[in-house]
C-alpha atoms as a PDB file:
ATOM      1  CA  UNK A   1     -74.406 -46.591  20.564  1.00  0.00           C
ATOM      2  CA  UNK A   2     -76.078 -49.019  23.029  1.00  0.00           C
ATOM      3  CA  UNK A   3     -76.708 -47.432  26.603  1.00  0.00           C
ATOM      4  CA  UNK A   4     -75.148 -50.361  28.257  1.00  0.00           C
ATOM      5  CA  UNK A   5     -71.889 -49.931  26.443  1.00  0.00           C
ATOM      6  CA  UNK A   6     -71.908 -46.051  27.279  1.00  0.00           C
ATOM      7  CA  UNK A   7     -72.702 -46.848  30.892  1.00  0.00           C
ATOM      8  CA  UNK A   8     -69.856 -49.466  30.948  1.00  0.00           C
ATOM      9  CA  UNK A   9     -67.334 -46.794  29.584  1.00  0.00           C
ATOM     10  CA  UNK A  10     -68.441 -44.188  32.025  1.00  0.00           C
ATOM     11  CA  UNK A  11     -68.168 -46.634  35.052  1.00  0.00           C
ATOM     12  CA  UNK A  12     -64.594 -47.879  33.823  1.00  0.00           C
ATOM     13  CA  UNK A  13     -63.525 -44.310  33.683  1.00  0.00           C
ATOM     14  CA  UNK A  14     -64.946 -43.482  37.102  1.00  0.00           C
ATOM     15  CA  UNK A  15     -63.159 -46.550  38.523  1.00  0.00           C
ATOM     16  CA  UNK A  16     -59.875 -45.546  36.843  1.00  0.00           C
ATOM     17  CA  UNK A  17     -59.989 -42.075  38.068  1.00  0.00           C
ATOM     18  CA  UNK A  18     -60.722 -43.332  41.573  1.00  0.00           C
ATOM     19  CA  UNK A  19     -57.758 -45.605  41.540  1.00  0.00           C
ATOM     20  CA  UNK A  20     -55.489 -42.797  40.508  1.00  0.00           C
ATOM     21  CA  UNK A  21     -56.920 -40.471  43.073  1.00  0.00           C
ATOM     22  CA  UNK A  22     -56.482 -43.223  45.886  1.00  0.00           C
ATOM     23  CA  UNK A  23     -52.918 -43.628  44.662  1.00  0.00           C
ATOM     24  CA  UNK A  24     -52.225 -39.965  44.904  1.00  0.00           C
ATOM     25  CA  UNK A  25     -53.853 -39.807  48.367  1.00  0.00           C
ATOM     26  CA  UNK A  26     -51.707 -42.820  49.600  1.00  0.00           C
ATOM     27  CA  UNK A  27     -48.482 -41.307  48.130  1.00  0.00           C
ATOM     28  CA  UNK A  28     -49.036 -37.940  49.817  1.00  0.00           C
ATOM     29  CA  UNK A  29     -49.867 -39.449  53.111  1.00  0.00           C
ATOM     30  CA  UNK A  30     -47.209 -42.382  53.236  1.00  0.00           C
ATOM     31  CA  UNK A  31     -44.762 -41.566  50.499  1.00  0.00           C
ATOM     32  CA  UNK A  32     -42.239 -39.082  52.209  1.00  0.00           C
ATOM     33  CA  UNK A  33     -42.339 -40.901  55.416  1.00  0.00           C
ATOM     34  CA  UNK A  34     -41.810 -44.401  53.715  1.00  0.00           C
ATOM     35  CA  UNK A  35     -38.913 -42.795  51.610  1.00  0.00           C
ATOM     36  CA  UNK A  36     -37.307 -41.497  54.886  1.00  0.00           C
ATOM     37  CA  UNK A  37     -37.489 -44.919  56.409  1.00  0.00           C
ATOM     38  CA  UNK A  38     -35.941 -46.687  53.423  1.00  0.00           C
ATOM     39  CA  UNK A  39     -33.236 -44.237  53.316  1.00  0.00           C
ATOM     40  CA  UNK A  40     -32.379 -44.504  57.002  1.00  0.00           C
ATOM     41  CA  UNK A  41     -32.620 -48.251  56.797  1.00  0.00           C
ATOM     42  CA  UNK A  42     -30.048 -48.444  54.037  1.00  0.00           C
ATOM     43  CA  UNK A  43     -27.470 -46.907  56.323  1.00  0.00           C
ATOM     44  CA  UNK A  44     -26.605 -44.114  53.837  1.00  0.00           C
ATOM     45  CA  UNK A  45     -22.968 -43.313  53.919  1.00  0.00           C
ATOM     46  CA  UNK A  46     -21.576 -39.942  53.289  1.00  0.00           C
ATOM     47  CA  UNK A  47     -20.977 -39.142  49.663  1.00  0.00           C
ATOM     48  CA  UNK A  48     -17.424 -38.573  48.360  1.00  0.00           C
ATOM     49  CA  UNK A  49     -18.349 -36.762  45.304  1.00  0.00           C
ATOM     50  CA  UNK A  50     -20.415 -33.384  45.279  1.00  0.00           C
ATOM     51  CA  UNK A  51     -21.072 -30.753  42.801  1.00  0.00           C
ATOM     52  CA  UNK A  52     -20.261 -27.491  44.701  1.00  0.00           C
ATOM     53  CA  UNK A  53     -21.304 -24.837  42.031  1.00  0.00           C
ATOM     54  CA  UNK A  54     -21.947 -24.730  38.322  1.00  0.00           C
ATOM     55  CA  UNK A  55     -21.877 -21.766  36.000  1.00  0.00           C
ATOM     56  CA  UNK A  56     -23.105 -21.672  32.431  1.00  0.00           C
ATOM     57  CA  UNK A  57     -20.573 -19.880  30.178  1.00  0.00           C
ATOM     58  CA  UNK A  58     -22.442 -20.097  26.871  1.00  0.00           C
ATOM     59  CA  UNK A  59     -24.859 -22.585  25.429  1.00  0.00           C
ATOM     60  CA  UNK A  60     -21.969 -25.026  24.643  1.00  0.00           C
ATOM     61  CA  UNK A  61     -19.874 -24.673  27.726  1.00  0.00           C
ATOM     62  CA  UNK A  62     -20.234 -24.833  31.538  1.00  0.00           C
ATOM     63  CA  UNK A  63     -17.891 -24.597  34.472  1.00  0.00           C
ATOM     64  CA  UNK A  64     -18.413 -26.972  37.257  1.00  0.00           C
ATOM     65  CA  UNK A  65     -16.687 -26.921  40.738  1.00  0.00           C
ATOM     66  CA  UNK A  66     -16.557 -30.456  42.094  1.00  0.00           C
ATOM     67  CA  UNK A  67     -15.496 -31.732  45.517  1.00  0.00           C
ATOM     68  CA  UNK A  68     -13.947 -35.302  45.778  1.00  0.00           C
ATOM     69  CA  UNK A  69     -12.640 -36.443  49.100  1.00  0.00           C
ATOM     70  CA  UNK A  70     -12.167 -32.869  50.288  1.00  0.00           C
ATOM     71  CA  UNK A  71     -10.384 -31.798  47.291  1.00  0.00           C
ATOM     72  CA  UNK A  72     -11.966 -29.265  44.812  1.00  0.00           C
ATOM     73  CA  UNK A  73     -11.604 -29.447  41.004  1.00  0.00           C
ATOM     74  CA  UNK A  74     -12.918 -27.091  38.455  1.00  0.00           C
ATOM     75  CA  UNK A  75     -13.838 -28.736  35.296  1.00  0.00           C
ATOM     76  CA  UNK A  76     -14.833 -27.148  31.990  1.00  0.00           C
ATOM     77  CA  UNK A  77     -17.579 -29.005  30.281  1.00  0.00           C
ATOM     78  CA  UNK A  78     -18.201 -28.467  26.530  1.00  0.00           C
ATOM     79  CA  UNK A  79     -19.870 -29.908  23.520  1.00  0.00           C
ATOM     80  CA  UNK A  80     -20.077 -33.369  25.110  1.00  0.00           C
ATOM     81  CA  UNK A  81     -16.523 -33.418  26.209  1.00  0.00           C
ATOM     82  CA  UNK A  82     -15.020 -33.223  29.539  1.00  0.00           C
ATOM     83  CA  UNK A  83     -11.903 -31.018  29.084  1.00  0.00           C
ATOM     84  CA  UNK A  84      -8.874 -31.496  31.409  1.00  0.00           C
ATOM     85  CA  UNK A  85      -9.378 -30.475  35.112  1.00  0.00           C
ATOM     86  CA  UNK A  86      -7.843 -27.057  36.200  1.00  0.00           C
ATOM     87  CA  UNK A  87      -5.926 -27.184  39.449  1.00  0.00           C
ATOM     88  CA  UNK A  88      -6.528 -24.511  41.911  1.00  0.00           C
ATOM     89  CA  UNK A  89      -3.495 -22.495  43.161  1.00  0.00           C
ATOM     90  CA  UNK A  90      -0.773 -20.431  41.338  1.00  0.00           C
ATOM     91  CA  UNK A  91      -1.041 -20.014  37.666  1.00  0.00           C
END
């Protein structure tokens, strides 16, 4: 292998690693601040849907308590299906 070819590969690797390092430093310094500005600028509205709690019953099923417009629903998720919601209150 020619020395010039080897030196070219080493310099290309050094430049690539330097650019990755520069991007990491820039994201660490400006990333969270810029994301906060973008979120505030978008005028983020309050969300209507929220997962309150989730409980794994077994590997195939999970209970999820979901709040929508101040009303809570209990969903049983299983095997790729959403089973009918269970209303809270008297049985």
